Amino acid sequence: MPRSTKVVVRKLGRERAAGEAYYGCNEIAIDPRQTPSDYLDTLIHEGTHLAFPELTEEAVCAAATFISRIVWKHGYRKCDL
């Protein structure tokens, strides 16, 4: 499992994706044009890809949605400091 992950926030229109995980360089790219709850789900989704690269896309989707709903329900909100 990677120790430190760089998160790059940029528009991913050309890639037609909300987020991407780059396992070789331990980096996540995430599109900022999402609702806050979708942004959280995408961040967890891509982080799960890096942490468990052997999982199928379906397993990653299910796990990310499950975790993001719990975290959101318990008050997670993105804020700029």
PDB file of N, CA and C in Angstrom:
ATOM      1  N   MET A   1       0.855  -1.176   0.000  1.00  0.00           N
ATOM      2  CA  MET A   1       0.000   0.000   0.000  1.00  0.00           C
ATOM      3  C   MET A   1       0.899   1.236   0.000  1.00  0.00           C
ATOM      4  N   PRO A   2       0.594   2.216  -0.850  1.00  0.00           N
ATOM      5  CA  PRO A   2       1.415   3.415  -0.917  1.00  0.00           C
ATOM      6  C   PRO A   2       1.343   4.236   0.366  1.00  0.00           C
ATOM      7  N   ARG A   3       2.462   4.864   0.711  1.00  0.00           N
ATOM      8  CA  ARG A   3       2.514   5.670   1.930  1.00  0.00           C
ATOM      9  C   ARG A   3       2.019   7.093   1.705  1.00  0.00           C
ATOM     10  N   SER A   4       2.527   7.750   0.696  1.00  0.00           N
ATOM     11  CA  SER A   4       2.186   9.139   0.451  1.00  0.00           C
ATOM     12  C   SER A   4       1.638   9.268  -0.969  1.00  0.00           C
ATOM     13  N   THR A   5       0.484   9.869  -1.077  1.00  0.00           N
ATOM     14  CA  THR A   5      -0.167   9.990  -2.379  1.00  0.00           C
ATOM     15  C   THR A   5      -0.352  11.457  -2.723  1.00  0.00           C
ATOM     16  N   LYS A   6       0.058  11.834  -3.912  1.00  0.00           N
ATOM     17  CA  LYS A   6      -0.135  13.201  -4.393  1.00  0.00           C
ATOM     18  C   LYS A   6      -1.495  13.276  -5.074  1.00  0.00           C
ATOM     19  N   VAL A   7      -2.267  14.300  -4.727  1.00  0.00           N
ATOM     20  CA  VAL A   7      -3.568  14.507  -5.350  1.00  0.00           C
ATOM     21  C   VAL A   7      -3.496  15.791  -6.170  1.00  0.00           C
ATOM     22  N   VAL A   8      -3.757  15.662  -7.462  1.00  0.00           N
ATOM     23  CA  VAL A   8      -3.743  16.799  -8.384  1.00  0.00           C
ATOM     24  C   VAL A   8      -5.184  17.089  -8.780  1.00  0.00           C
ATOM     25  N   VAL A   9      -5.609  18.326  -8.571  1.00  0.00           N
ATOM     26  CA  VAL A   9      -6.966  18.729  -8.936  1.00  0.00           C
ATOM     27  C   VAL A   9      -6.882  19.448 -10.274  1.00  0.00           C
ATOM     28  N   ARG A  10      -7.521  18.850 -11.295  1.00  0.00           N
ATOM     29  CA  ARG A  10      -7.533  19.451 -12.629  1.00  0.00           C
ATOM     30  C   ARG A  10      -8.720  18.928 -13.411  1.00  0.00           C
ATOM     31  N   LYS A  11      -9.139  19.697 -14.398  1.00  0.00           N
ATOM     32  CA  LYS A  11     -10.251  19.274 -15.242  1.00  0.00           C
ATOM     33  C   LYS A  11      -9.818  18.072 -16.066  1.00  0.00           C
ATOM     34  N   LEU A  12     -10.660  17.058 -16.087  1.00  0.00           N
ATOM     35  CA  LEU A  12     -10.364  15.820 -16.812  1.00  0.00           C
ATOM     36  C   LEU A  12     -11.345  15.615 -17.965  1.00  0.00           C
ATOM     37  N   GLY A  13     -11.685  16.682 -18.652  1.00  0.00           N
ATOM     38  CA  GLY A  13     -12.648  16.600 -19.750  1.00  0.00           C
ATOM     39  C   GLY A  13     -12.197  15.687 -20.864  1.00  0.00           C
ATOM     40  N   ARG A  14     -10.936  15.777 -21.253  1.00  0.00           N
ATOM     41  CA  ARG A  14     -10.418  14.961 -22.348  1.00  0.00           C
ATOM     42  C   ARG A  14     -10.451  13.476 -21.984  1.00  0.00           C
ATOM     43  N   GLU A  15     -10.175  13.172 -20.729  1.00  0.00           N
ATOM     44  CA  GLU A  15     -10.153  11.775 -20.283  1.00  0.00           C
ATOM     45  C   GLU A  15     -11.559  11.215 -20.071  1.00  0.00           C
ATOM     46  N   ARG A  16     -12.534  12.095 -20.005  1.00  0.00           N
ATOM     47  CA  ARG A  16     -13.927  11.694 -19.751  1.00  0.00           C
ATOM     48  C   ARG A  16     -14.037  10.860 -18.481  1.00  0.00           C
ATOM     49  N   ALA A  17     -13.407  11.368 -17.431  1.00  0.00           N
ATOM     50  CA  ALA A  17     -13.411  10.675 -16.150  1.00  0.00           C
ATOM     51  C   ALA A  17     -13.522  11.700 -15.035  1.00  0.00           C
ATOM     52  N   ALA A  18     -14.055  11.267 -13.906  1.00  0.00           N
ATOM     53  CA  ALA A  18     -14.117  12.128 -12.727  1.00  0.00           C
ATOM     54  C   ALA A  18     -12.796  12.087 -11.965  1.00  0.00           C
ATOM     55  N   GLY A  19     -12.061  10.987 -12.129  1.00  0.00           N
ATOM     56  CA  GLY A  19     -10.771  10.848 -11.463  1.00  0.00           C
ATOM     57  C   GLY A  19      -9.956   9.755 -12.113  1.00  0.00           C
ATOM     58  N   GLU A  20      -8.655   9.787 -11.859  1.00  0.00           N
ATOM     59  CA  GLU A  20      -7.758   8.757 -12.380  1.00  0.00           C
ATOM     60  C   GLU A  20      -6.697   8.469 -11.337  1.00  0.00           C
ATOM     61  N   ALA A  21      -6.292   7.212 -11.257  1.00  0.00           N
ATOM     62  CA  ALA A  21      -5.214   6.808 -10.359  1.00  0.00           C
ATOM     63  C   ALA A  21      -4.023   6.358 -11.196  1.00  0.00           C
ATOM     64  N   TYR A  22      -2.853   6.857 -10.841  1.00  0.00           N
ATOM     65  CA  TYR A  22      -1.616   6.502 -11.532  1.00  0.00           C
ATOM     66  C   TYR A  22      -0.756   5.722 -10.550  1.00  0.00           C
ATOM     67  N   TYR A  23      -0.821   4.407 -10.653  1.00  0.00           N
ATOM     68  CA  TYR A  23      -0.166   3.541  -9.680  1.00  0.00           C
ATOM     69  C   TYR A  23       1.344   3.698  -9.678  1.00  0.00           C
ATOM     70  N   GLY A  24       1.962   3.797 -10.836  1.00  0.00           N
ATOM     71  CA  GLY A  24       3.416   3.880 -10.915  1.00  0.00           C
ATOM     72  C   GLY A  24       4.001   5.078 -10.191  1.00  0.00           C
ATOM     73  N   CYS A  25       3.325   6.218 -10.267  1.00  0.00           N
ATOM     74  CA  CYS A  25       3.850   7.416  -9.605  1.00  0.00           C
ATOM     75  C   CYS A  25       3.049   7.780  -8.361  1.00  0.00           C
ATOM     76  N   ASN A  26       2.137   6.914  -7.944  1.00  0.00           N
ATOM     77  CA  ASN A  26       1.370   7.094  -6.710  1.00  0.00           C
ATOM     78  C   ASN A  26       0.673   8.461  -6.674  1.00  0.00           C
ATOM     79  N   GLU A  27      -0.133   8.705  -7.711  1.00  0.00           N
ATOM     80  CA  GLU A  27      -0.784  10.005  -7.862  1.00  0.00           C
ATOM     81  C   GLU A  27      -2.244   9.804  -8.253  1.00  0.00           C
ATOM     82  N   ILE A  28      -3.070  10.726  -7.789  1.00  0.00           N
ATOM     83  CA  ILE A  28      -4.485  10.754  -8.145  1.00  0.00           C
ATOM     84  C   ILE A  28      -4.762  12.089  -8.815  1.00  0.00           C
ATOM     85  N   ALA A  29      -5.470  12.052  -9.936  1.00  0.00           N
ATOM     86  CA  ALA A  29      -5.976  13.268 -10.573  1.00  0.00           C
ATOM     87  C   ALA A  29      -7.481  13.260 -10.370  1.00  0.00           C
ATOM     88  N   ILE A  30      -8.025  14.398  -9.941  1.00  0.00           N
ATOM     89  CA  ILE A  30      -9.458  14.466  -9.676  1.00  0.00           C
ATOM     90  C   ILE A  30     -10.023  15.742 -10.280  1.00  0.00           C
ATOM     91  N   ASP A  31     -11.166  15.604 -10.925  1.00  0.00           N
ATOM     92  CA  ASP A  31     -11.824  16.735 -11.573  1.00  0.00           C
ATOM     93  C   ASP A  31     -12.612  17.517 -10.517  1.00  0.00           C
ATOM     94  N   PRO A  32     -12.376  18.825 -10.403  1.00  0.00           N
ATOM     95  CA  PRO A  32     -13.069  19.614  -9.381  1.00  0.00           C
ATOM     96  C   PRO A  32     -14.528  19.921  -9.700  1.00  0.00           C
ATOM     97  N   ARG A  33     -14.969  19.631 -10.913  1.00  0.00           N
ATOM     98  CA  ARG A  33     -16.332  19.968 -11.322  1.00  0.00           C
ATOM     99  C   ARG A  33     -17.329  18.888 -10.922  1.00  0.00           C
ATOM    100  N   GLN A  34     -17.311  18.540  -9.649  1.00  0.00           N
ATOM    101  CA  GLN A  34     -18.218  17.523  -9.112  1.00  0.00           C
ATOM    102  C   GLN A  34     -18.898  18.097  -7.875  1.00  0.00           C
ATOM    103  N   THR A  35     -20.035  17.521  -7.530  1.00  0.00           N
ATOM    104  CA  THR A  35     -20.653  17.909  -6.265  1.00  0.00           C
ATOM    105  C   THR A  35     -19.719  17.463  -5.140  1.00  0.00           C
ATOM    106  N   PRO A  36     -19.808  18.076  -3.976  1.00  0.00           N
ATOM    107  CA  PRO A  36     -18.929  17.673  -2.876  1.00  0.00           C
ATOM    108  C   PRO A  36     -19.025  16.181  -2.528  1.00  0.00           C
ATOM    109  N   SER A  37     -20.213  15.622  -2.548  1.00  0.00           N
ATOM    110  CA  SER A  37     -20.337  14.193  -2.214  1.00  0.00           C
ATOM    111  C   SER A  37     -19.748  13.311  -3.315  1.00  0.00           C
ATOM    112  N   ASP A  38     -19.906  13.706  -4.568  1.00  0.00           N
ATOM    113  CA  ASP A  38     -19.291  12.949  -5.663  1.00  0.00           C
ATOM    114  C   ASP A  38     -17.776  13.070  -5.632  1.00  0.00           C
ATOM    115  N   TYR A  39     -17.275  14.252  -5.288  1.00  0.00           N
ATOM    116  CA  TYR A  39     -15.833  14.471  -5.167  1.00  0.00           C
ATOM    117  C   TYR A  39     -15.256  13.516  -4.116  1.00  0.00           C
ATOM    118  N   LEU A  40     -15.930  13.423  -2.982  1.00  0.00           N
ATOM    119  CA  LEU A  40     -15.494  12.503  -1.921  1.00  0.00           C
ATOM    120  C   LEU A  40     -15.487  11.068  -2.424  1.00  0.00           C
ATOM    121  N   ASP A  41     -16.549  10.660  -3.091  1.00  0.00           N
ATOM    122  CA  ASP A  41     -16.629   9.293  -3.618  1.00  0.00           C
ATOM    123  C   ASP A  41     -15.505   9.030  -4.619  1.00  0.00           C
ATOM    124  N   THR A  42     -15.228   9.991  -5.494  1.00  0.00           N
ATOM    125  CA  THR A  42     -14.163   9.822  -6.482  1.00  0.00           C
ATOM    126  C   THR A  42     -12.803   9.722  -5.813  1.00  0.00           C
ATOM    127  N   LEU A  43     -12.557  10.561  -4.822  1.00  0.00           N
ATOM    128  CA  LEU A  43     -11.280  10.527  -4.113  1.00  0.00           C
ATOM    129  C   LEU A  43     -11.063   9.182  -3.428  1.00  0.00           C
ATOM    130  N   ILE A  44     -12.092   8.672  -2.772  1.00  0.00           N
ATOM    131  CA  ILE A  44     -11.991   7.360  -2.126  1.00  0.00           C
ATOM    132  C   ILE A  44     -11.841   6.261  -3.174  1.00  0.00           C
ATOM    133  N   HIS A  45     -12.571   6.370  -4.265  1.00  0.00           N
ATOM    134  CA  HIS A  45     -12.500   5.393  -5.350  1.00  0.00           C
ATOM    135  C   HIS A  45     -11.076   5.278  -5.890  1.00  0.00           C
ATOM    136  N   GLU A  46     -10.480   6.415  -6.234  1.00  0.00           N
ATOM    137  CA  GLU A  46      -9.131   6.391  -6.804  1.00  0.00           C
ATOM    138  C   GLU A  46      -8.095   5.959  -5.764  1.00  0.00           C
ATOM    139  N   GLY A  47      -8.273   6.356  -4.530  1.00  0.00           N
ATOM    140  CA  GLY A  47      -7.383   5.899  -3.466  1.00  0.00           C
ATOM    141  C   GLY A  47      -7.461   4.403  -3.259  1.00  0.00           C
ATOM    142  N   THR A  48      -8.641   3.843  -3.411  1.00  0.00           N
ATOM    143  CA  THR A  48      -8.818   2.396  -3.297  1.00  0.00           C
ATOM    144  C   THR A  48      -8.089   1.674  -4.420  1.00  0.00           C
ATOM    145  N   HIS A  49      -8.117   2.243  -5.624  1.00  0.00           N
ATOM    146  CA  HIS A  49      -7.344   1.657  -6.730  1.00  0.00           C
ATOM    147  C   HIS A  49      -5.858   1.576  -6.379  1.00  0.00           C
ATOM    148  N   LEU A  50      -5.319   2.640  -5.780  1.00  0.00           N
ATOM    149  CA  LEU A  50      -3.902   2.643  -5.423  1.00  0.00           C
ATOM    150  C   LEU A  50      -3.598   1.671  -4.294  1.00  0.00           C
ATOM    151  N   ALA A  51      -4.472   1.609  -3.312  1.00  0.00           N
ATOM    152  CA  ALA A  51      -4.241   0.752  -2.149  1.00  0.00           C
ATOM    153  C   ALA A  51      -4.404  -0.728  -2.469  1.00  0.00           C
ATOM    154  N   PHE A  52      -5.343  -1.042  -3.345  1.00  0.00           N
ATOM    155  CA  PHE A  52      -5.659  -2.439  -3.661  1.00  0.00           C
ATOM    156  C   PHE A  52      -5.769  -2.634  -5.174  1.00  0.00           C
ATOM    157  N   PRO A  53      -4.653  -2.592  -5.889  1.00  0.00           N
ATOM    158  CA  PRO A  53      -4.706  -2.655  -7.355  1.00  0.00           C
ATOM    159  C   PRO A  53      -5.258  -3.965  -7.910  1.00  0.00           C
ATOM    160  N   GLU A  54      -5.334  -4.988  -7.084  1.00  0.00           N
ATOM    161  CA  GLU A  54      -5.840  -6.275  -7.556  1.00  0.00           C
ATOM    162  C   GLU A  54      -7.371  -6.335  -7.606  1.00  0.00           C
ATOM    163  N   LEU A  55      -8.054  -5.367  -7.000  1.00  0.00           N
ATOM    164  CA  LEU A  55      -9.520  -5.377  -6.986  1.00  0.00           C
ATOM    165  C   LEU A  55     -10.087  -5.052  -8.358  1.00  0.00           C
ATOM    166  N   THR A  56     -11.235  -5.624  -8.649  1.00  0.00           N
ATOM    167  CA  THR A  56     -11.931  -5.311  -9.895  1.00  0.00           C
ATOM    168  C   THR A  56     -12.553  -3.926  -9.792  1.00  0.00           C
ATOM    169  N   GLU A  57     -12.907  -3.356 -10.931  1.00  0.00           N
ATOM    170  CA  GLU A  57     -13.562  -2.043 -10.951  1.00  0.00           C
ATOM    171  C   GLU A  57     -14.883  -2.088 -10.177  1.00  0.00           C
ATOM    172  N   GLU A  58     -15.602  -3.177 -10.293  1.00  0.00           N
ATOM    173  CA  GLU A  58     -16.878  -3.316  -9.584  1.00  0.00           C
ATOM    174  C   GLU A  58     -16.669  -3.315  -8.076  1.00  0.00           C
ATOM    175  N   ALA A  59     -15.642  -4.007  -7.606  1.00  0.00           N
ATOM    176  CA  ALA A  59     -15.349  -4.054  -6.167  1.00  0.00           C
ATOM    177  C   ALA A  59     -14.917  -2.678  -5.666  1.00  0.00           C
ATOM    178  N   VAL A  60     -14.109  -1.981  -6.449  1.00  0.00           N
ATOM    179  CA  VAL A  60     -13.663  -0.640  -6.064  1.00  0.00           C
ATOM    180  C   VAL A  60     -14.854   0.308  -5.990  1.00  0.00           C
ATOM    181  N   CYS A  61     -15.739   0.254  -6.966  1.00  0.00           N
ATOM    182  CA  CYS A  61     -16.935   1.104  -6.965  1.00  0.00           C
ATOM    183  C   CYS A  61     -17.794   0.859  -5.733  1.00  0.00           C
ATOM    184  N   ALA A  62     -18.032  -0.399  -5.437  1.00  0.00           N
ATOM    185  CA  ALA A  62     -18.870  -0.749  -4.291  1.00  0.00           C
ATOM    186  C   ALA A  62     -18.234  -0.282  -2.983  1.00  0.00           C
ATOM    187  N   ALA A  63     -16.949  -0.532  -2.816  1.00  0.00           N
ATOM    188  CA  ALA A  63     -16.259  -0.143  -1.582  1.00  0.00           C
ATOM    189  C   ALA A  63     -16.224   1.373  -1.423  1.00  0.00           C
ATOM    190  N   ALA A  64     -15.901   2.091  -2.489  1.00  0.00           N
ATOM    191  CA  ALA A  64     -15.813   3.548  -2.412  1.00  0.00           C
ATOM    192  C   ALA A  64     -17.158   4.176  -2.074  1.00  0.00           C
ATOM    193  N   THR A  65     -18.205   3.707  -2.698  1.00  0.00           N
ATOM    194  CA  THR A  65     -19.535   4.250  -2.425  1.00  0.00           C
ATOM    195  C   THR A  65     -19.961   3.949  -0.993  1.00  0.00           C
ATOM    196  N   PHE A  66     -19.700   2.748  -0.531  1.00  0.00           N
ATOM    197  CA  PHE A  66     -20.032   2.362   0.835  1.00  0.00           C
ATOM    198  C   PHE A  66     -19.312   3.260   1.840  1.00  0.00           C
ATOM    199  N   ILE A  67     -18.000   3.426   1.661  1.00  0.00           N
ATOM    200  CA  ILE A  67     -17.201   4.233   2.589  1.00  0.00           C
ATOM    201  C   ILE A  67     -17.577   5.711   2.506  1.00  0.00           C
ATOM    202  N   SER A  68     -17.742   6.236   1.301  1.00  0.00           N
ATOM    203  CA  SER A  68     -18.056   7.662   1.163  1.00  0.00           C
ATOM    204  C   SER A  68     -19.417   8.006   1.776  1.00  0.00           C
ATOM    205  N   ARG A  69     -20.372   7.118   1.695  1.00  0.00           N
ATOM    206  CA  ARG A  69     -21.687   7.383   2.316  1.00  0.00           C
ATOM    207  C   ARG A  69     -21.583   7.438   3.834  1.00  0.00           C
ATOM    208  N   ILE A  70     -20.774   6.557   4.407  1.00  0.00           N
ATOM    209  CA  ILE A  70     -20.570   6.576   5.865  1.00  0.00           C
ATOM    210  C   ILE A  70     -19.897   7.875   6.286  1.00  0.00           C
ATOM    211  N   VAL A  71     -18.812   8.228   5.594  1.00  0.00           N
ATOM    212  CA  VAL A  71     -18.047   9.424   5.947  1.00  0.00           C
ATOM    213  C   VAL A  71     -18.912  10.674   5.768  1.00  0.00           C
ATOM    214  N   TRP A  72     -19.671  10.737   4.673  1.00  0.00           N
ATOM    215  CA  TRP A  72     -20.543  11.888   4.421  1.00  0.00           C
ATOM    216  C   TRP A  72     -21.621  12.001   5.495  1.00  0.00           C
ATOM    217  N   LYS A  73     -22.222  10.885   5.846  1.00  0.00           N
ATOM    218  CA  LYS A  73     -23.281  10.878   6.855  1.00  0.00           C
ATOM    219  C   LYS A  73     -22.778  11.367   8.211  1.00  0.00           C
ATOM    220  N   HIS A  74     -21.501  11.155   8.462  1.00  0.00           N
ATOM    221  CA  HIS A  74     -20.932  11.556   9.746  1.00  0.00           C
ATOM    222  C   HIS A  74     -20.240  12.906   9.696  1.00  0.00           C
ATOM    223  N   GLY A  75     -20.578  13.708   8.689  1.00  0.00           N
ATOM    224  CA  GLY A  75     -20.217  15.104   8.693  1.00  0.00           C
ATOM    225  C   GLY A  75     -19.046  15.556   7.857  1.00  0.00           C
ATOM    226  N   TYR A  76     -18.458  14.675   7.043  1.00  0.00           N
ATOM    227  CA  TYR A  76     -17.363  15.128   6.204  1.00  0.00           C
ATOM    228  C   TYR A  76     -17.883  16.180   5.238  1.00  0.00           C
ATOM    229  N   ARG A  77     -17.170  17.292   5.155  1.00  0.00           N
ATOM    230  CA  ARG A  77     -17.436  18.298   4.154  1.00  0.00           C
ATOM    231  C   ARG A  77     -16.107  18.894   3.734  1.00  0.00           C
ATOM    232  N   LYS A  78     -15.921  19.070   2.440  1.00  0.00           N
ATOM    233  CA  LYS A  78     -14.684  19.666   1.942  1.00  0.00           C
ATOM    234  C   LYS A  78     -14.740  21.170   2.182  1.00  0.00           C
ATOM    235  N   CYS A  79     -13.668  21.698   2.726  1.00  0.00           N
ATOM    236  CA  CYS A  79     -13.587  23.141   2.899  1.00  0.00           C
ATOM    237  C   CYS A  79     -12.188  23.597   2.530  1.00  0.00           C
ATOM    238  N   ASP A  80     -12.101  24.790   2.001  1.00  0.00           N
ATOM    239  CA  ASP A  80     -10.803  25.371   1.666  1.00  0.00           C
ATOM    240  C   ASP A  80     -10.336  26.199   2.845  1.00  0.00           C
ATOM    241  N   LEU A  81      -9.155  25.906   3.314  1.00  0.00           N
ATOM    242  CA  LEU A  81      -8.621  26.642   4.462  1.00  0.00           C
ATOM    243  C   LEU A  81      -7.677  27.727   4.014  1.00  0.00           C
TER     244      LEU A  81
END
